[in-house]
Amino acid sequence: ESPDLIVMDIRLIGKADGVDAALEIFRETGIRCIFAT
């Protein structure tokens, strides 16, 4: 979807958390987050 930004919770369903997702997304797309947590 290539959003302009992401509002990211840290606690998520599954093993990986919001920080893991944010790091991967930023590395691969450059999209940044606001952490709401």
PDB file of all heavy atoms in Angstrom:
ATOM      1  N   GLU A   1       0.795  -1.231   0.000  1.00  0.00           N
ATOM      2  CA  GLU A   1       0.000   0.000   0.000  1.00  0.00           C
ATOM      3  C   GLU A   1       0.827   1.281   0.000  1.00  0.00           C
ATOM      4  O   GLU A   1       0.303   2.356  -0.272  1.00  0.00           O
ATOM      5  CB  GLU A   1      -0.949   0.010   1.200  1.00  0.00           C
ATOM      6  CG  GLU A   1      -1.978  -1.100   1.175  1.00  0.00           C
ATOM      7  CD  GLU A   1      -2.932  -0.980  -0.006  1.00  0.00           C
ATOM      8  OE1 GLU A   1      -3.268   0.151  -0.408  1.00  0.00           O
ATOM      9  OE2 GLU A   1      -3.339  -2.040  -0.524  1.00  0.00           O
ATOM     10  N   SER A   2       2.106   1.197   0.315  1.00  0.00           N
ATOM     11  CA  SER A   2       2.996   2.363   0.383  1.00  0.00           C
ATOM     12  C   SER A   2       2.374   3.557   1.114  1.00  0.00           C
ATOM     13  O   SER A   2       2.232   4.635   0.545  1.00  0.00           O
ATOM     14  CB  SER A   2       3.429   2.789  -1.024  1.00  0.00           C
ATOM     15  OG  SER A   2       4.158   1.776  -1.644  1.00  0.00           O
ATOM     16  N   PRO A   3       1.996   3.374   2.388  1.00  0.00           N
ATOM     17  CA  PRO A   3       1.436   4.508   3.125  1.00  0.00           C
ATOM     18  C   PRO A   3       2.506   5.568   3.360  1.00  0.00           C
ATOM     19  O   PRO A   3       3.704   5.296   3.234  1.00  0.00           O
ATOM     20  CB  PRO A   3       1.001   3.875   4.448  1.00  0.00           C
ATOM     21  CG  PRO A   3       1.932   2.727   4.617  1.00  0.00           C
ATOM     22  CD  PRO A   3       2.170   2.192   3.231  1.00  0.00           C
ATOM     23  N   ASP A   4       2.072   6.765   3.705  1.00  0.00           N
ATOM     24  CA  ASP A   4       3.016   7.839   4.002  1.00  0.00           C
ATOM     25  C   ASP A   4       3.625   7.661   5.384  1.00  0.00           C
ATOM     26  O   ASP A   4       4.780   8.025   5.610  1.00  0.00           O
ATOM     27  CB  ASP A   4       2.305   9.197   3.926  1.00  0.00           C
ATOM     28  CG  ASP A   4       1.826   9.466   2.515  1.00  0.00           C
ATOM     29  OD1 ASP A   4       2.675   9.583   1.625  1.00  0.00           O
ATOM     30  OD2 ASP A   4       0.601   9.524   2.309  1.00  0.00           O
ATOM     31  N   LEU A   5       2.834   7.115   6.309  1.00  0.00           N
ATOM     32  CA  LEU A   5       3.324   6.841   7.654  1.00  0.00           C
ATOM     33  C   LEU A   5       2.474   5.745   8.284  1.00  0.00           C
ATOM     34  O   LEU A   5       1.426   5.381   7.752  1.00  0.00           O
ATOM     35  CB  LEU A   5       3.341   8.105   8.528  1.00  0.00           C
ATOM     36  CG  LEU A   5       2.023   8.791   8.844  1.00  0.00           C
ATOM     37  CD1 LEU A   5       1.474   8.318  10.179  1.00  0.00           C
ATOM     38  CD2 LEU A   5       2.243  10.292   8.908  1.00  0.00           C
ATOM     39  N   ILE A   6       2.963   5.236   9.398  1.00  0.00           N
ATOM     40  CA  ILE A   6       2.299   4.132  10.093  1.00  0.00           C
ATOM     41  C   ILE A   6       2.119   4.517  11.560  1.00  0.00           C
ATOM     42  O   ILE A   6       3.036   5.059  12.177  1.00  0.00           O
ATOM     43  CB  ILE A   6       3.144   2.846  10.001  1.00  0.00           C
ATOM     44  CG1 ILE A   6       3.347   2.441   8.535  1.00  0.00           C
ATOM     45  CG2 ILE A   6       2.503   1.705  10.805  1.00  0.00           C
ATOM     46  CD1 ILE A   6       4.387   1.363   8.322  1.00  0.00           C
ATOM     47  N   VAL A   7       0.930   4.235  12.087  1.00  0.00           N
ATOM     48  CA  VAL A   7       0.719   4.336  13.531  1.00  0.00           C
ATOM     49  C   VAL A   7       0.850   2.909  14.040  1.00  0.00           C
ATOM     50  O   VAL A   7       0.063   2.028  13.684  1.00  0.00           O
ATOM     51  CB  VAL A   7      -0.654   4.943  13.886  1.00  0.00           C
ATOM     52  CG1 VAL A   7      -0.829   4.978  15.400  1.00  0.00           C
ATOM     53  CG2 VAL A   7      -0.797   6.347  13.296  1.00  0.00           C
ATOM     54  N   MET A   8       1.885   2.659  14.826  1.00  0.00           N
ATOM     55  CA  MET A   8       2.307   1.305  15.186  1.00  0.00           C
ATOM     56  C   MET A   8       2.223   1.041  16.680  1.00  0.00           C
ATOM     57  O   MET A   8       2.844   1.752  17.478  1.00  0.00           O
ATOM     58  CB  MET A   8       3.760   1.118  14.732  1.00  0.00           C
ATOM     59  CG  MET A   8       4.403  -0.198  15.066  1.00  0.00           C
ATOM     60  SD  MET A   8       3.946  -1.539  13.951  1.00  0.00           S
ATOM     61  CE  MET A   8       4.802  -1.065  12.445  1.00  0.00           C
ATOM     62  N   ASP A   9       1.461   0.014  17.046  1.00  0.00           N
ATOM     63  CA  ASP A   9       1.470  -0.487  18.421  1.00  0.00           C
ATOM     64  C   ASP A   9       2.701  -1.371  18.559  1.00  0.00           C
ATOM     65  O   ASP A   9       3.191  -1.931  17.573  1.00  0.00           O
ATOM     66  CB  ASP A   9       0.195  -1.290  18.689  1.00  0.00           C
ATOM     67  CG  ASP A   9       0.031  -1.705  20.134  1.00  0.00           C
ATOM     68  OD1 ASP A   9       0.734  -1.161  21.007  1.00  0.00           O
ATOM     69  OD2 ASP A   9      -0.805  -2.577  20.392  1.00  0.00           O
ATOM     70  N   ILE A  10       3.220  -1.519  19.749  1.00  0.00           N
ATOM     71  CA  ILE A  10       4.390  -2.382  19.937  1.00  0.00           C
ATOM     72  C   ILE A  10       3.981  -3.821  20.202  1.00  0.00           C
ATOM     73  O   ILE A  10       4.537  -4.743  19.625  1.00  0.00           O
ATOM     74  CB  ILE A  10       5.317  -1.832  21.035  1.00  0.00           C
ATOM     75  CG1 ILE A  10       5.991  -0.573  20.495  1.00  0.00           C
ATOM     76  CG2 ILE A  10       6.353  -2.881  21.451  1.00  0.00           C
ATOM     77  CD1 ILE A  10       6.987   0.075  21.415  1.00  0.00           C
ATOM     78  N   ARG A  11       2.998  -4.031  21.049  1.00  0.00           N
ATOM     79  CA  ARG A  11       2.530  -5.396  21.326  1.00  0.00           C
ATOM     80  C   ARG A  11       1.570  -5.820  20.223  1.00  0.00           C
ATOM     81  O   ARG A  11       0.529  -5.202  20.038  1.00  0.00           O
ATOM     82  CB  ARG A  11       1.822  -5.458  22.670  1.00  0.00           C
ATOM     83  CG  ARG A  11       2.738  -5.136  23.808  1.00  0.00           C
ATOM     84  CD  ARG A  11       2.865  -6.307  24.704  1.00  0.00           C
ATOM     85  NE  ARG A  11       3.877  -5.998  25.698  1.00  0.00           N
ATOM     86  CZ  ARG A  11       3.926  -6.591  26.838  1.00  0.00           C
ATOM     87  NH1 ARG A  11       3.045  -7.499  27.162  1.00  0.00           N
ATOM     88  NH2 ARG A  11       4.873  -6.306  27.685  1.00  0.00           N
ATOM     89  N   LEU A  12       1.935  -6.875  19.522  1.00  0.00           N
ATOM     90  CA  LEU A  12       1.117  -7.381  18.422  1.00  0.00           C
ATOM     91  C   LEU A  12       0.894  -8.876  18.590  1.00  0.00           C
ATOM     92  O   LEU A  12       1.564  -9.526  19.388  1.00  0.00           O
ATOM     93  CB  LEU A  12       1.808  -7.115  17.073  1.00  0.00           C
ATOM     94  CG  LEU A  12       2.078  -5.651  16.722  1.00  0.00           C
ATOM     95  CD1 LEU A  12       2.890  -5.561  15.439  1.00  0.00           C
ATOM     96  CD2 LEU A  12       0.780  -4.870  16.605  1.00  0.00           C
ATOM     97  N   ILE A  13      -0.001  -9.417  17.816  1.00  0.00           N
ATOM     98  CA  ILE A  13      -0.252 -10.850  17.801  1.00  0.00           C
ATOM     99  C   ILE A  13       0.956 -11.538  17.170  1.00  0.00           C
ATOM    100  O   ILE A  13       1.468 -11.089  16.152  1.00  0.00           O
ATOM    101  CB  ILE A  13      -1.525 -11.166  16.978  1.00  0.00           C
ATOM    102  CG1 ILE A  13      -2.740 -10.474  17.595  1.00  0.00           C
ATOM    103  CG2 ILE A  13      -1.745 -12.671  16.878  1.00  0.00           C
ATOM    104  CD1 ILE A  13      -3.954 -10.446  16.685  1.00  0.00           C
ATOM    105  N   GLY A  14       1.414 -12.642  17.745  1.00  0.00           N
ATOM    106  CA  GLY A  14       2.528 -13.403  17.176  1.00  0.00           C
ATOM    107  C   GLY A  14       3.841 -13.121  17.872  1.00  0.00           C
ATOM    108  O   GLY A  14       3.918 -12.377  18.847  1.00  0.00           O
ATOM    109  N   LYS A  15       4.913 -13.728  17.331  1.00  0.00           N
ATOM    110  CA  LYS A  15       6.246 -13.616  17.943  1.00  0.00           C
ATOM    111  C   LYS A  15       6.871 -12.244  17.740  1.00  0.00           C
ATOM    112  O   LYS A  15       7.469 -11.692  18.642  1.00  0.00           O
ATOM    113  CB  LYS A  15       7.178 -14.683  17.362  1.00  0.00           C
ATOM    114  CG  LYS A  15       6.843 -16.080  17.803  1.00  0.00           C
ATOM    115  CD  LYS A  15       7.823 -17.070  17.209  1.00  0.00           C
ATOM    116  CE  LYS A  15       7.456 -18.487  17.615  1.00  0.00           C
ATOM    117  NZ  LYS A  15       8.363 -19.476  17.045  1.00  0.00           N
ATOM    118  N   ALA A  16       6.776 -11.707  16.531  1.00  0.00           N
ATOM    119  CA  ALA A  16       7.378 -10.403  16.231  1.00  0.00           C
ATOM    120  C   ALA A  16       6.491  -9.289  16.777  1.00  0.00           C
ATOM    121  O   ALA A  16       5.269  -9.388  16.769  1.00  0.00           O
ATOM    122  CB  ALA A  16       7.566 -10.253  14.730  1.00  0.00           C
ATOM    123  N   ASP A  17       7.134  -8.229  17.241  1.00  0.00           N
ATOM    124  CA  ASP A  17       6.365  -7.106  17.773  1.00  0.00           C
ATOM    125  C   ASP A  17       6.426  -5.911  16.819  1.00  0.00           C
ATOM    126  O   ASP A  17       6.983  -5.993  15.716  1.00  0.00           O
ATOM    127  CB  ASP A  17       6.831  -6.744  19.181  1.00  0.00           C
ATOM    128  CG  ASP A  17       8.244  -6.181  19.241  1.00  0.00           C
ATOM    129  OD1 ASP A  17       8.858  -5.906  18.192  1.00  0.00           O
ATOM    130  OD2 ASP A  17       8.739  -5.991  20.370  1.00  0.00           O
ATOM    131  N   GLY A  18       5.859  -4.796  17.255  1.00  0.00           N
ATOM    132  CA  GLY A  18       5.811  -3.607  16.421  1.00  0.00           C
ATOM    133  C   GLY A  18       7.176  -3.020  16.116  1.00  0.00           C
ATOM    134  O   GLY A  18       7.383  -2.445  15.049  1.00  0.00           O
ATOM    135  N   VAL A  19       8.111  -3.155  17.038  1.00  0.00           N
ATOM    136  CA  VAL A  19       9.462  -2.662  16.767  1.00  0.00           C
ATOM    137  C   VAL A  19      10.094  -3.496  15.659  1.00  0.00           C
ATOM    138  O   VAL A  19      10.702  -2.950  14.729  1.00  0.00           O
ATOM    139  CB  VAL A  19      10.337  -2.657  18.042  1.00  0.00           C
ATOM    140  CG1 VAL A  19      11.779  -2.284  17.706  1.00  0.00           C
ATOM    141  CG2 VAL A  19       9.767  -1.708  19.079  1.00  0.00           C
ATOM    142  N   ASP A  20       9.940  -4.820  15.722  1.00  0.00           N
ATOM    143  CA  ASP A  20      10.461  -5.679  14.652  1.00  0.00           C
ATOM    144  C   ASP A  20       9.872  -5.267  13.304  1.00  0.00           C
ATOM    145  O   ASP A  20      10.594  -5.141  12.311  1.00  0.00           O
ATOM    146  CB  ASP A  20      10.106  -7.154  14.914  1.00  0.00           C
ATOM    147  CG  ASP A  20      10.745  -7.714  16.170  1.00  0.00           C
ATOM    148  OD1 ASP A  20      11.894  -7.327  16.484  1.00  0.00           O
ATOM    149  OD2 ASP A  20      10.092  -8.543  16.845  1.00  0.00           O
ATOM    150  N   ALA A  21       8.554  -5.056  13.278  1.00  0.00           N
ATOM    151  CA  ALA A  21       7.871  -4.669  12.035  1.00  0.00           C
ATOM    152  C   ALA A  21       8.373  -3.308  11.563  1.00  0.00           C
ATOM    153  O   ALA A  21       8.669  -3.135  10.372  1.00  0.00           O
ATOM    154  CB  ALA A  21       6.360  -4.635  12.250  1.00  0.00           C
ATOM    155  N   ALA A  22       8.473  -2.343  12.473  1.00  0.00           N
ATOM    156  CA  ALA A  22       8.912  -1.002  12.097  1.00  0.00           C
ATOM    157  C   ALA A  22      10.328  -1.004  11.529  1.00  0.00           C
ATOM    158  O   ALA A  22      10.612  -0.320  10.540  1.00  0.00           O
ATOM    159  CB  ALA A  22       8.836  -0.071  13.308  1.00  0.00           C
ATOM    160  N   LEU A  23      11.217  -1.781  12.148  1.00  0.00           N
ATOM    161  CA  LEU A  23      12.596  -1.864  11.660  1.00  0.00           C
ATOM    162  C   LEU A  23      12.645  -2.460  10.255  1.00  0.00           C
ATOM    163  O   LEU A  23      13.324  -1.928   9.368  1.00  0.00           O
ATOM    164  CB  LEU A  23      13.454  -2.694  12.619  1.00  0.00           C
ATOM    165  CG  LEU A  23      13.754  -2.033  13.964  1.00  0.00           C
ATOM    166  CD1 LEU A  23      14.312  -3.057  14.950  1.00  0.00           C
ATOM    167  CD2 LEU A  23      14.706  -0.855  13.783  1.00  0.00           C
ATOM    168  N   GLU A  24      11.898  -3.542  10.027  1.00  0.00           N
ATOM    169  CA  GLU A  24      11.883  -4.168   8.708  1.00  0.00           C
ATOM    170  C   GLU A  24      11.255  -3.242   7.666  1.00  0.00           C
ATOM    171  O   GLU A  24      11.771  -3.096   6.553  1.00  0.00           O
ATOM    172  CB  GLU A  24      11.130  -5.497   8.760  1.00  0.00           C
ATOM    173  CG  GLU A  24      11.175  -6.253   7.446  1.00  0.00           C
ATOM    174  CD  GLU A  24      10.564  -7.644   7.514  1.00  0.00           C
ATOM    175  OE1 GLU A  24      10.299  -8.147   8.631  1.00  0.00           O
ATOM    176  OE2 GLU A  24      10.338  -8.220   6.437  1.00  0.00           O
ATOM    177  N   ILE A  25      10.157  -2.615   8.025  1.00  0.00           N
ATOM    178  CA  ILE A  25       9.481  -1.707   7.090  1.00  0.00           C
ATOM    179  C   ILE A  25      10.397  -0.529   6.737  1.00  0.00           C
ATOM    180  O   ILE A  25      10.536  -0.168   5.563  1.00  0.00           O
ATOM    181  CB  ILE A  25       8.145  -1.208   7.678  1.00  0.00           C
ATOM    182  CG1 ILE A  25       7.140  -2.357   7.729  1.00  0.00           C
ATOM    183  CG2 ILE A  25       7.596  -0.034   6.870  1.00  0.00           C
ATOM    184  CD1 ILE A  25       5.908  -2.077   8.573  1.00  0.00           C
ATOM    185  N   PHE A  26      11.043   0.054   7.731  1.00  0.00           N
ATOM    186  CA  PHE A  26      11.928   1.187   7.465  1.00  0.00           C
ATOM    187  C   PHE A  26      13.114   0.770   6.605  1.00  0.00           C
ATOM    188  O   PHE A  26      13.480   1.465   5.659  1.00  0.00           O
ATOM    189  CB  PHE A  26      12.400   1.817   8.777  1.00  0.00           C
ATOM    190  CG  PHE A  26      13.250   3.038   8.566  1.00  0.00           C
ATOM    191  CD1 PHE A  26      12.705   4.203   8.039  1.00  0.00           C
ATOM    192  CD2 PHE A  26      14.599   3.021   8.883  1.00  0.00           C
ATOM    193  CE1 PHE A  26      13.488   5.331   7.830  1.00  0.00           C
ATOM    194  CE2 PHE A  26      15.383   4.142   8.680  1.00  0.00           C
ATOM    195  CZ  PHE A  26      14.832   5.301   8.156  1.00  0.00           C
ATOM    196  N   ARG A  27      13.713  -0.374   6.913  1.00  0.00           N
ATOM    197  CA  ARG A  27      14.847  -0.869   6.135  1.00  0.00           C
ATOM    198  C   ARG A  27      14.467  -1.114   4.674  1.00  0.00           C
ATOM    199  O   ARG A  27      15.222  -0.795   3.766  1.00  0.00           O
ATOM    200  CB  ARG A  27      15.348  -2.192   6.727  1.00  0.00           C
ATOM    201  CG  ARG A  27      16.675  -2.134   7.406  1.00  0.00           C
ATOM    202  CD  ARG A  27      17.260  -3.482   7.794  1.00  0.00           C
ATOM    203  NE  ARG A  27      16.332  -4.538   8.106  1.00  0.00           N
ATOM    204  CZ  ARG A  27      15.871  -4.834   9.322  1.00  0.00           C
ATOM    205  NH1 ARG A  27      16.249  -4.119  10.355  1.00  0.00           N
ATOM    206  NH2 ARG A  27      15.046  -5.832   9.510  1.00  0.00           N
ATOM    207  N   GLU A  28      13.290  -1.697   4.458  1.00  0.00           N
ATOM    208  CA  GLU A  28      12.905  -2.110   3.104  1.00  0.00           C
ATOM    209  C   GLU A  28      12.153  -1.046   2.314  1.00  0.00           C
ATOM    210  O   GLU A  28      12.161  -1.089   1.084  1.00  0.00           O
ATOM    211  CB  GLU A  28      12.077  -3.390   3.182  1.00  0.00           C
ATOM    212  CG  GLU A  28      12.910  -4.555   3.699  1.00  0.00           C
ATOM    213  CD  GLU A  28      12.168  -5.874   3.666  1.00  0.00           C
ATOM    214  OE1 GLU A  28      11.181  -5.996   2.915  1.00  0.00           O
ATOM    215  OE2 GLU A  28      12.591  -6.788   4.402  1.00  0.00           O
ATOM    216  N   THR A  29      11.507  -0.097   3.006  1.00  0.00           N
ATOM    217  CA  THR A  29      10.681   0.878   2.282  1.00  0.00           C
ATOM    218  C   THR A  29      10.979   2.328   2.632  1.00  0.00           C
ATOM    219  O   THR A  29      10.579   3.226   1.905  1.00  0.00           O
ATOM    220  CB  THR A  29       9.176   0.644   2.555  1.00  0.00           C
ATOM    221  OG1 THR A  29       8.894   0.970   3.914  1.00  0.00           O
ATOM    222  CG2 THR A  29       8.764  -0.782   2.244  1.00  0.00           C
ATOM    223  N   GLY A  30      11.603   2.560   3.784  1.00  0.00           N
ATOM    224  CA  GLY A  30      11.850   3.921   4.232  1.00  0.00           C
ATOM    225  C   GLY A  30      10.656   4.556   4.925  1.00  0.00           C
ATOM    226  O   GLY A  30      10.718   5.713   5.344  1.00  0.00           O
ATOM    227  N   ILE A  31       9.560   3.820   5.068  1.00  0.00           N
ATOM    228  CA  ILE A  31       8.362   4.347   5.725  1.00  0.00           C
ATOM    229  C   ILE A  31       8.598   4.363   7.226  1.00  0.00           C
ATOM    230  O   ILE A  31       9.065   3.385   7.804  1.00  0.00           O
ATOM    231  CB  ILE A  31       7.118   3.509   5.373  1.00  0.00           C
ATOM    232  CG1 ILE A  31       6.885   3.518   3.853  1.00  0.00           C
ATOM    233  CG2 ILE A  31       5.885   4.033   6.110  1.00  0.00           C
ATOM    234  CD1 ILE A  31       5.871   2.487   3.375  1.00  0.00           C
ATOM    235  N   ARG A  32       8.232   5.492   7.845  1.00  0.00           N
ATOM    236  CA  ARG A  32       8.463   5.673   9.275  1.00  0.00           C
ATOM    237  C   ARG A  32       7.164   5.555  10.066  1.00  0.00           C
ATOM    238  O   ARG A  32       6.088   5.658   9.514  1.00  0.00           O
ATOM    239  CB  ARG A  32       9.129   7.026   9.510  1.00  0.00           C
ATOM    240  CG  ARG A  32      10.507   7.058   8.854  1.00  0.00           C
ATOM    241  CD  ARG A  32      11.086   8.445   8.810  1.00  0.00           C
ATOM    242  NE  ARG A  32      11.322   8.954  10.156  1.00  0.00           N
ATOM    243  CZ  ARG A  32      11.537  10.239  10.403  1.00  0.00           C
ATOM    244  NH1 ARG A  32      11.553  11.136   9.435  1.00  0.00           N
ATOM    245  NH2 ARG A  32      11.742  10.646  11.645  1.00  0.00           N
ATOM    246  N   CYS A  33       7.304   5.380  11.371  1.00  0.00           N
ATOM    247  CA  CYS A  33       6.166   5.122  12.261  1.00  0.00           C
ATOM    248  C   CYS A  33       6.045   6.148  13.372  1.00  0.00           C
ATOM    249  O   CYS A  33       7.037   6.726  13.812  1.00  0.00           O
ATOM    250  CB  CYS A  33       6.332   3.771  12.955  1.00  0.00           C
ATOM    251  SG  CYS A  33       6.427   2.375  11.867  1.00  0.00           S
ATOM    252  N   ILE A  34       4.823   6.261  13.834  1.00  0.00           N
ATOM    253  CA  ILE A  34       4.526   6.844  15.132  1.00  0.00           C
ATOM    254  C   ILE A  34       4.213   5.634  16.002  1.00  0.00           C
ATOM    255  O   ILE A  34       3.354   4.821  15.634  1.00  0.00           O
ATOM    256  CB  ILE A  34       3.286   7.749  15.085  1.00  0.00           C
ATOM    257  CG1 ILE A  34       3.546   8.979  14.232  1.00  0.00           C
ATOM    258  CG2 ILE A  34       2.843   8.129  16.498  1.00  0.00           C
ATOM    259  CD1 ILE A  34       2.280   9.774  13.927  1.00  0.00           C
ATOM    260  N   PHE A  35       4.907   5.481  17.102  1.00  0.00           N
ATOM    261  CA  PHE A  35       4.594   4.377  18.008  1.00  0.00           C
ATOM    262  C   PHE A  35       3.514   4.836  18.978  1.00  0.00           C
ATOM    263  O   PHE A  35       3.703   5.820  19.694  1.00  0.00           O
ATOM    264  CB  PHE A  35       5.845   3.917  18.763  1.00  0.00           C
ATOM    265  CG  PHE A  35       6.802   3.132  17.920  1.00  0.00           C
ATOM    266  CD1 PHE A  35       7.955   3.718  17.426  1.00  0.00           C
ATOM    267  CD2 PHE A  35       6.536   1.806  17.621  1.00  0.00           C
ATOM    268  CE1 PHE A  35       8.833   2.993  16.638  1.00  0.00           C
ATOM    269  CE2 PHE A  35       7.409   1.080  16.836  1.00  0.00           C
ATOM    270  CZ  PHE A  35       8.554   1.669  16.341  1.00  0.00           C
ATOM    271  N   ALA A  36       2.381   4.158  18.971  1.00  0.00           N
ATOM    272  CA  ALA A  36       1.277   4.425  19.892  1.00  0.00           C
ATOM    273  C   ALA A  36       1.224   3.236  20.838  1.00  0.00           C
ATOM    274  O   ALA A  36       0.734   2.168  20.478  1.00  0.00           O
ATOM    275  CB  ALA A  36      -0.032   4.581  19.139  1.00  0.00           C
ATOM    276  N   THR A  37       1.749   3.404  22.040  1.00  0.00           N
ATOM    277  CA  THR A  37       1.941   2.245  22.904  1.00  0.00           C
ATOM    278  C   THR A  37       2.050   2.617  24.377  1.00  0.00           C
ATOM    279  O   THR A  37       2.415   3.743  24.707  1.00  0.00           O
ATOM    280  CB  THR A  37       3.219   1.497  22.475  1.00  0.00           C
ATOM    281  OG1 THR A  37       3.372   0.322  23.259  1.00  0.00           O
ATOM    282  CG2 THR A  37       4.453   2.373  22.599  1.00  0.00           C
TER     283      THR A  37
END
